[in-house]
Structures are given as structure tokens and as C-alpha cells.
Amino acid sequence: MKVIIGSDHAGFSLKQQVNSLLEEMGHTVEDVGCHGEDSVDYPVYGKAVAKGVASGQFPKGILICGSGLGMSMVANRFTGVRAALCNDLFSAILSRRHNDANLLVLGARLIGIDLAGEIVKAWFQTEFDGGRHLRRVAQLDEA
């Protein structure tokens, strides 16, 4: 699967490790930045990833910042994007099963690489349940 990923400076190190994990899992990764630990504006990278998912060019994306809050706020402004801030396994699994999340957001200052790796694996392995959740997910993009 083609996956688009981005981070700000606070998420850069974790993003590099998640990139490697995604490639090990067999995914093709498009890294839109940032490309270092110098201070940057998170909306630039959040918008780039969200646009990639919203356009359908990438079926799934990942955003990483310090807390995950800023990136999830940016991403969820885009129609068709269902960004889920997941800093534990339970919310990662439910975001896929019940909400058909297509963009995973992680808080680098809240979790370490081991937990991030488990979250990423669980999120990519969990399928959407559909059924009664289809109607609710469809309502997310209604005006």
C-alpha cells in the first residue's frame, strides 16, 4: 500500500523509525517532511498529508507531532479525511473498526517507539467493521 507520512520537528525522530517499520511491513512510503529537527510549522506538513489522503492518491496516511493534537486538528479539516489521534492500542483498533480512520496521528512526546510500532501494526492490520458504522461514517462528510 502507498502511505503518505509527515511530521513536524517534534515528531521527526519517531517518523524516521515509523518509516522504517512501514517499509518492513511492505508499504511504499511517501515522506513529505519535515526533514530535520529544526523548528517548523506543523500545519504545512499536516496539510500535505491530509491533501494526499483526501485526494485518494494515498489510501492511508500518518502524521506525527509532539502531542498529536495539532496534526489531528489540521487533518480533520479536509473532507474525506478521518484522522484519529491514537496513543494506545485500543483507540487505534477502534478507530479502524468503527470509524474507518484513514489517517493515523501519533504524539511523539507521549509514546515511545515500541508502543508506536505496536499502534502502527494494529492500525494497519485492523479492518473496518462496516455494518451499522457505514451510516455513521458517511455522516462525517455531510454539511
N, C-alpha and C. Protein backbone atom coordinates (compact mmCIF):
# COMPACT_ATOMS: atom_id res chain seq x y z
N MET A 1 0.84 -1.18 0.00
CA MET A 1 0.00 0.00 0.00
C MET A 1 0.88 1.24 0.00
N LYS A 2 0.43 2.27 -0.70
CA LYS A 2 1.10 3.57 -0.68
C LYS A 2 0.63 4.34 0.54
N VAL A 3 1.57 4.77 1.36
CA VAL A 3 1.28 5.50 2.59
C VAL A 3 2.01 6.83 2.54
N ILE A 4 1.31 7.91 2.88
CA ILE A 4 1.93 9.23 2.97
C ILE A 4 2.14 9.56 4.45
N ILE A 5 3.29 10.13 4.75
CA ILE A 5 3.63 10.41 6.15
C ILE A 5 4.28 11.78 6.25
N GLY A 6 4.04 12.43 7.38
CA GLY A 6 4.65 13.72 7.64
C GLY A 6 4.72 13.99 9.13
N SER A 7 5.58 14.92 9.48
CA SER A 7 5.73 15.30 10.89
C SER A 7 6.24 16.72 10.98
N ASP A 8 6.18 17.24 12.20
CA ASP A 8 6.89 18.47 12.48
C ASP A 8 8.23 18.08 13.13
N HIS A 9 8.96 19.07 13.62
CA HIS A 9 10.26 18.80 14.23
C HIS A 9 10.17 17.89 15.46
N ALA A 10 9.11 18.03 16.25
CA ALA A 10 8.96 17.20 17.45
C ALA A 10 8.71 15.74 17.10
N GLY A 11 8.14 15.49 15.94
CA GLY A 11 7.84 14.13 15.53
C GLY A 11 8.85 13.53 14.57
N PHE A 12 9.88 14.30 14.21
CA PHE A 12 10.83 13.86 13.19
C PHE A 12 11.49 12.52 13.51
N SER A 13 12.04 12.37 14.69
CA SER A 13 12.75 11.14 15.04
C SER A 13 11.82 9.93 15.00
N LEU A 14 10.64 10.07 15.59
CA LEU A 14 9.69 8.96 15.57
C LEU A 14 9.24 8.66 14.14
N LYS A 15 9.06 9.69 13.34
CA LYS A 15 8.67 9.49 11.93
C LYS A 15 9.71 8.65 11.20
N GLN A 16 10.98 8.92 11.42
CA GLN A 16 12.03 8.15 10.76
C GLN A 16 11.92 6.67 11.11
N GLN A 17 11.63 6.39 12.36
CA GLN A 17 11.51 5.00 12.81
C GLN A 17 10.23 4.36 12.27
N VAL A 18 9.15 5.11 12.22
CA VAL A 18 7.90 4.60 11.66
C VAL A 18 8.06 4.34 10.16
N ASN A 19 8.78 5.21 9.46
CA ASN A 19 9.07 4.99 8.04
C ASN A 19 9.70 3.62 7.83
N SER A 20 10.71 3.31 8.63
CA SER A 20 11.40 2.02 8.51
C SER A 20 10.46 0.86 8.78
N LEU A 21 9.63 1.01 9.80
CA LEU A 21 8.66 -0.04 10.12
C LEU A 21 7.69 -0.26 8.97
N LEU A 22 7.18 0.82 8.41
CA LEU A 22 6.23 0.71 7.30
C LEU A 22 6.87 -0.01 6.11
N GLU A 23 8.11 0.31 5.82
CA GLU A 23 8.80 -0.36 4.72
C GLU A 23 9.01 -1.84 5.02
N GLU A 24 9.34 -2.17 6.27
CA GLU A 24 9.46 -3.57 6.68
C GLU A 24 8.14 -4.31 6.51
N MET A 25 7.03 -3.59 6.71
CA MET A 25 5.70 -4.19 6.57
C MET A 25 5.30 -4.31 5.10
N GLY A 26 6.13 -3.81 4.19
CA GLY A 26 5.87 -3.94 2.76
C GLY A 26 5.17 -2.76 2.12
N HIS A 27 5.03 -1.66 2.84
CA HIS A 27 4.37 -0.47 2.30
C HIS A 27 5.37 0.42 1.56
N THR A 28 4.87 1.17 0.60
CA THR A 28 5.64 2.20 -0.08
C THR A 28 5.34 3.51 0.63
N VAL A 29 6.38 4.20 1.06
CA VAL A 29 6.20 5.39 1.90
C VAL A 29 6.60 6.65 1.13
N GLU A 30 5.70 7.63 1.15
CA GLU A 30 5.97 8.97 0.62
C GLU A 30 6.12 9.90 1.81
N ASP A 31 7.33 10.32 2.10
CA ASP A 31 7.63 11.20 3.24
C ASP A 31 7.64 12.64 2.75
N VAL A 32 6.65 13.44 3.20
CA VAL A 32 6.55 14.83 2.76
C VAL A 32 7.25 15.80 3.71
N GLY A 33 7.99 15.28 4.68
CA GLY A 33 8.72 16.13 5.62
C GLY A 33 8.03 16.19 6.97
N CYS A 34 8.64 16.90 7.87
CA CYS A 34 9.84 17.69 7.73
C CYS A 34 11.05 16.74 7.69
N HIS A 35 12.21 17.33 7.41
CA HIS A 35 13.39 16.50 7.19
C HIS A 35 14.51 16.81 8.18
N GLY A 36 14.14 17.26 9.37
CA GLY A 36 15.14 17.53 10.40
C GLY A 36 14.46 18.01 11.67
N GLU A 37 15.27 18.34 12.66
CA GLU A 37 14.74 18.74 13.95
C GLU A 37 14.69 20.24 14.17
N ASP A 38 14.99 21.03 13.13
CA ASP A 38 14.84 22.48 13.24
C ASP A 38 13.35 22.82 13.28
N SER A 39 13.00 23.82 14.05
CA SER A 39 11.60 24.18 14.25
C SER A 39 10.90 24.50 12.92
N VAL A 40 9.70 23.90 12.76
CA VAL A 40 8.87 24.13 11.57
C VAL A 40 7.43 24.33 12.02
N ASP A 41 6.57 24.74 11.09
CA ASP A 41 5.15 24.93 11.37
C ASP A 41 4.40 23.66 11.00
N TYR A 42 3.81 23.00 12.00
CA TYR A 42 3.14 21.72 11.77
C TYR A 42 2.02 21.77 10.73
N PRO A 43 1.27 22.89 10.58
CA PRO A 43 0.19 22.87 9.58
C PRO A 43 0.67 22.60 8.15
N VAL A 44 1.89 23.01 7.83
CA VAL A 44 2.42 22.79 6.48
C VAL A 44 2.43 21.29 6.16
N TYR A 45 2.91 20.50 7.09
CA TYR A 45 3.06 19.06 6.87
C TYR A 45 1.74 18.33 7.08
N GLY A 46 0.95 18.82 8.01
CA GLY A 46 -0.38 18.24 8.22
C GLY A 46 -1.25 18.39 6.99
N LYS A 47 -1.21 19.56 6.37
CA LYS A 47 -1.99 19.80 5.16
C LYS A 47 -1.51 18.94 4.00
N ALA A 48 -0.21 18.78 3.86
CA ALA A 48 0.34 17.98 2.76
C ALA A 48 -0.14 16.53 2.85
N VAL A 49 -0.10 15.97 4.03
CA VAL A 49 -0.54 14.59 4.21
C VAL A 49 -2.05 14.49 4.03
N ALA A 50 -2.80 15.39 4.64
CA ALA A 50 -4.26 15.35 4.55
C ALA A 50 -4.72 15.49 3.10
N LYS A 51 -4.08 16.37 2.33
CA LYS A 51 -4.43 16.52 0.91
C LYS A 51 -4.17 15.23 0.15
N GLY A 52 -3.09 14.56 0.46
CA GLY A 52 -2.78 13.29 -0.21
C GLY A 52 -3.82 12.22 0.05
N VAL A 53 -4.32 12.18 1.27
CA VAL A 53 -5.36 11.20 1.63
C VAL A 53 -6.71 11.65 1.06
N ALA A 54 -7.05 12.92 1.21
CA ALA A 54 -8.34 13.44 0.73
C ALA A 54 -8.49 13.26 -0.78
N SER A 55 -7.41 13.38 -1.51
CA SER A 55 -7.45 13.26 -2.98
C SER A 55 -7.61 11.82 -3.44
N GLY A 56 -7.35 10.88 -2.54
CA GLY A 56 -7.41 9.47 -2.91
C GLY A 56 -6.10 8.93 -3.45
N GLN A 57 -5.12 9.79 -3.60
CA GLN A 57 -3.81 9.35 -4.09
C GLN A 57 -3.18 8.34 -3.12
N PHE A 58 -3.44 8.54 -1.83
CA PHE A 58 -2.92 7.65 -0.79
C PHE A 58 -4.10 7.14 0.03
N PRO A 59 -4.27 5.82 0.13
CA PRO A 59 -5.39 5.30 0.91
C PRO A 59 -5.26 5.56 2.41
N LYS A 60 -4.01 5.66 2.89
CA LYS A 60 -3.79 5.90 4.31
C LYS A 60 -2.59 6.82 4.50
N GLY A 61 -2.62 7.53 5.64
CA GLY A 61 -1.53 8.42 5.98
C GLY A 61 -1.24 8.40 7.46
N ILE A 62 -0.09 8.96 7.80
CA ILE A 62 0.33 9.08 9.20
C ILE A 62 0.89 10.47 9.41
N LEU A 63 0.50 11.09 10.51
CA LEU A 63 1.05 12.38 10.94
C LEU A 63 1.58 12.25 12.36
N ILE A 64 2.70 12.92 12.63
CA ILE A 64 3.31 12.85 13.96
C ILE A 64 3.76 14.25 14.36
N CYS A 65 3.33 14.66 15.55
CA CYS A 65 3.85 15.90 16.15
C CYS A 65 4.08 15.62 17.62
N GLY A 66 4.35 16.63 18.40
CA GLY A 66 4.65 16.42 19.81
C GLY A 66 3.53 15.73 20.57
N SER A 67 2.33 16.28 20.49
CA SER A 67 1.18 15.71 21.21
C SER A 67 0.22 14.97 20.28
N GLY A 68 0.27 15.25 19.01
CA GLY A 68 -0.69 14.71 18.05
C GLY A 68 -1.92 15.59 17.90
N LEU A 69 -2.12 16.51 18.80
CA LEU A 69 -3.32 17.34 18.78
C LEU A 69 -3.36 18.30 17.59
N GLY A 70 -2.29 19.02 17.37
CA GLY A 70 -2.26 19.98 16.26
C GLY A 70 -2.45 19.31 14.92
N MET A 71 -1.75 18.20 14.70
CA MET A 71 -1.86 17.49 13.43
C MET A 71 -3.27 16.95 13.21
N SER A 72 -3.90 16.45 14.25
CA SER A 72 -5.26 15.93 14.06
C SER A 72 -6.24 17.06 13.78
N MET A 73 -6.04 18.23 14.36
CA MET A 73 -6.90 19.37 14.07
C MET A 73 -6.76 19.80 12.62
N VAL A 74 -5.54 19.85 12.11
CA VAL A 74 -5.31 20.21 10.72
C VAL A 74 -5.96 19.19 9.79
N ALA A 75 -5.66 17.93 10.00
CA ALA A 75 -6.09 16.88 9.07
C ALA A 75 -7.61 16.76 8.98
N ASN A 76 -8.29 16.89 10.09
CA ASN A 76 -9.74 16.70 10.08
C ASN A 76 -10.51 17.86 9.46
N ARG A 77 -9.83 18.87 8.99
CA ARG A 77 -10.48 19.96 8.25
C ARG A 77 -10.74 19.58 6.80
N PHE A 78 -10.17 18.47 6.34
CA PHE A 78 -10.26 18.05 4.94
C PHE A 78 -11.38 17.02 4.76
N THR A 79 -12.26 17.29 3.81
CA THR A 79 -13.36 16.36 3.51
C THR A 79 -12.78 15.03 3.08
N GLY A 80 -13.31 13.97 3.64
CA GLY A 80 -12.86 12.63 3.30
C GLY A 80 -11.76 12.10 4.18
N VAL A 81 -11.19 12.97 5.01
CA VAL A 81 -10.13 12.54 5.93
C VAL A 81 -10.77 12.23 7.28
N ARG A 82 -10.42 11.08 7.79
CA ARG A 82 -10.87 10.66 9.12
C ARG A 82 -9.61 10.38 9.94
N ALA A 83 -9.05 11.45 10.49
CA ALA A 83 -7.80 11.36 11.25
C ALA A 83 -8.11 10.99 12.70
N ALA A 84 -7.37 10.02 13.20
CA ALA A 84 -7.57 9.55 14.57
C ALA A 84 -6.26 9.67 15.34
N LEU A 85 -6.30 10.43 16.43
CA LEU A 85 -5.16 10.53 17.33
C LEU A 85 -5.18 9.30 18.23
N CYS A 86 -4.18 8.47 18.08
CA CYS A 86 -4.15 7.19 18.81
C CYS A 86 -2.81 7.05 19.53
N ASN A 87 -2.85 7.12 20.82
CA ASN A 87 -1.64 6.92 21.61
C ASN A 87 -1.75 5.66 22.47
N ASP A 88 -2.69 4.77 22.11
CA ASP A 88 -2.82 3.48 22.76
C ASP A 88 -3.42 2.50 21.75
N LEU A 89 -3.27 1.21 22.01
CA LEU A 89 -3.73 0.18 21.07
C LEU A 89 -5.25 0.16 20.93
N PHE A 90 -5.96 0.33 22.03
CA PHE A 90 -7.42 0.24 21.98
C PHE A 90 -8.02 1.28 21.04
N SER A 91 -7.58 2.53 21.16
CA SER A 91 -8.13 3.56 20.28
C SER A 91 -7.68 3.35 18.83
N ALA A 92 -6.50 2.82 18.62
CA ALA A 92 -6.04 2.54 17.25
C ALA A 92 -6.95 1.50 16.59
N ILE A 93 -7.24 0.45 17.31
CA ILE A 93 -8.10 -0.62 16.77
C ILE A 93 -9.52 -0.12 16.55
N LEU A 94 -10.07 0.59 17.51
CA LEU A 94 -11.45 1.08 17.36
C LEU A 94 -11.56 2.14 16.27
N SER A 95 -10.52 2.95 16.10
CA SER A 95 -10.57 3.97 15.05
C SER A 95 -10.71 3.34 13.67
N ARG A 96 -10.16 2.16 13.50
CA ARG A 96 -10.29 1.44 12.23
C ARG A 96 -11.63 0.69 12.18
N ARG A 97 -11.94 -0.07 13.22
CA ARG A 97 -13.16 -0.90 13.23
C ARG A 97 -14.44 -0.08 13.11
N HIS A 98 -14.54 0.98 13.89
CA HIS A 98 -15.79 1.73 13.98
C HIS A 98 -15.83 3.01 13.15
N ASN A 99 -14.66 3.61 12.90
CA ASN A 99 -14.63 4.92 12.24
C ASN A 99 -13.97 4.90 10.87
N ASP A 100 -13.45 3.76 10.46
CA ASP A 100 -12.75 3.63 9.18
C ASP A 100 -11.71 4.74 9.03
N ALA A 101 -10.97 5.01 10.10
CA ALA A 101 -9.94 6.04 10.07
C ALA A 101 -8.97 5.76 8.93
N ASN A 102 -8.63 6.82 8.20
CA ASN A 102 -7.68 6.66 7.09
C ASN A 102 -6.40 7.47 7.31
N LEU A 103 -6.30 8.11 8.46
CA LEU A 103 -5.10 8.86 8.79
C LEU A 103 -4.82 8.69 10.28
N LEU A 104 -3.70 8.09 10.59
CA LEU A 104 -3.28 7.85 11.97
C LEU A 104 -2.42 9.01 12.44
N VAL A 105 -2.72 9.53 13.63
CA VAL A 105 -1.93 10.61 14.21
C VAL A 105 -1.32 10.10 15.52
N LEU A 106 -0.03 10.39 15.69
CA LEU A 106 0.69 9.95 16.89
C LEU A 106 1.33 11.15 17.59
N GLY A 107 1.40 11.08 18.90
CA GLY A 107 2.06 12.10 19.70
C GLY A 107 3.43 11.62 20.14
N ALA A 108 4.47 12.12 19.51
CA ALA A 108 5.83 11.63 19.76
C ALA A 108 6.31 11.86 21.19
N ARG A 109 5.81 12.92 21.82
CA ARG A 109 6.24 13.21 23.19
C ARG A 109 5.44 12.42 24.22
N LEU A 110 4.46 11.66 23.75
CA LEU A 110 3.60 10.90 24.66
C LEU A 110 3.86 9.40 24.62
N ILE A 111 4.41 8.92 23.51
CA ILE A 111 4.65 7.49 23.38
C ILE A 111 6.07 7.26 22.86
N GLY A 112 6.59 6.08 23.10
CA GLY A 112 7.91 5.71 22.60
C GLY A 112 7.79 4.90 21.33
N ILE A 113 8.92 4.52 20.78
CA ILE A 113 8.95 3.79 19.53
C ILE A 113 8.31 2.42 19.65
N ASP A 114 8.48 1.74 20.76
CA ASP A 114 7.89 0.40 20.90
C ASP A 114 6.38 0.46 20.83
N LEU A 115 5.77 1.35 21.61
CA LEU A 115 4.32 1.49 21.57
C LEU A 115 3.87 2.02 20.22
N ALA A 116 4.58 2.97 19.66
CA ALA A 116 4.23 3.49 18.33
C ALA A 116 4.22 2.37 17.30
N GLY A 117 5.20 1.50 17.36
CA GLY A 117 5.26 0.38 16.44
C GLY A 117 4.07 -0.55 16.58
N GLU A 118 3.68 -0.84 17.80
CA GLU A 118 2.52 -1.70 18.03
C GLU A 118 1.23 -1.03 17.54
N ILE A 119 1.13 0.27 17.76
CA ILE A 119 -0.04 1.01 17.30
C ILE A 119 -0.12 0.98 15.77
N VAL A 120 0.99 1.26 15.11
CA VAL A 120 1.02 1.27 13.65
C VAL A 120 0.64 -0.10 13.10
N LYS A 121 1.23 -1.15 13.65
CA LYS A 121 0.91 -2.52 13.18
C LYS A 121 -0.58 -2.83 13.37
N ALA A 122 -1.10 -2.55 14.55
CA ALA A 122 -2.51 -2.84 14.83
C ALA A 122 -3.42 -2.02 13.92
N TRP A 123 -3.09 -0.77 13.71
CA TRP A 123 -3.92 0.12 12.89
C TRP A 123 -3.98 -0.36 11.45
N PHE A 124 -2.85 -0.79 10.91
CA PHE A 124 -2.83 -1.25 9.52
C PHE A 124 -3.44 -2.64 9.36
N GLN A 125 -3.43 -3.44 10.41
CA GLN A 125 -3.97 -4.80 10.33
C GLN A 125 -5.47 -4.87 10.61
N THR A 126 -6.03 -3.82 11.19
CA THR A 126 -7.45 -3.85 11.58
C THR A 126 -8.31 -3.36 10.43
N GLU A 127 -9.35 -4.13 10.13
CA GLU A 127 -10.29 -3.79 9.06
C GLU A 127 -11.49 -3.03 9.64
N PHE A 128 -12.13 -2.27 8.79
CA PHE A 128 -13.37 -1.57 9.13
C PHE A 128 -14.50 -2.60 9.24
N ASP A 129 -15.29 -2.52 10.30
CA ASP A 129 -16.39 -3.46 10.52
C ASP A 129 -17.56 -3.23 9.58
N GLY A 130 -17.71 -2.02 9.06
CA GLY A 130 -18.84 -1.73 8.18
C GLY A 130 -20.14 -1.81 8.95
N GLY A 131 -21.17 -2.44 8.35
CA GLY A 131 -22.45 -2.60 9.02
C GLY A 131 -23.03 -1.30 9.50
N ARG A 132 -23.44 -1.28 10.77
CA ARG A 132 -24.08 -0.09 11.34
C ARG A 132 -23.17 1.13 11.33
N HIS A 133 -21.86 0.90 11.23
CA HIS A 133 -20.91 2.01 11.24
C HIS A 133 -20.85 2.74 9.90
N LEU A 134 -21.25 2.09 8.82
CA LEU A 134 -21.22 2.73 7.49
C LEU A 134 -22.02 4.02 7.47
N ARG A 135 -23.22 3.97 8.01
CA ARG A 135 -24.10 5.14 8.02
C ARG A 135 -23.46 6.29 8.80
N ARG A 136 -22.88 5.97 9.91
CA ARG A 136 -22.28 7.00 10.76
C ARG A 136 -21.05 7.62 10.11
N VAL A 137 -20.22 6.80 9.51
CA VAL A 137 -19.03 7.32 8.83
C VAL A 137 -19.44 8.21 7.66
N ALA A 138 -20.48 7.82 6.94
CA ALA A 138 -20.97 8.63 5.81
C ALA A 138 -21.43 10.01 6.30
N GLN A 139 -21.96 10.09 7.49
CA GLN A 139 -22.44 11.35 8.02
C GLN A 139 -21.32 12.33 8.34
N LEU A 140 -20.10 11.85 8.47
CA LEU A 140 -18.98 12.73 8.82
C LEU A 140 -18.72 13.79 7.75
N ASP A 141 -18.98 13.46 6.48
CA ASP A 141 -18.69 14.40 5.41
C ASP A 141 -19.92 15.18 4.95
N GLU A 142 -21.04 15.01 5.64
CA GLU A 142 -22.22 15.78 5.28
C GLU A 142 -22.09 17.20 5.84
N ALA A 143 -22.63 18.15 5.10
CA ALA A 143 -22.56 19.55 5.55
C ALA A 143 -23.48 19.79 6.73
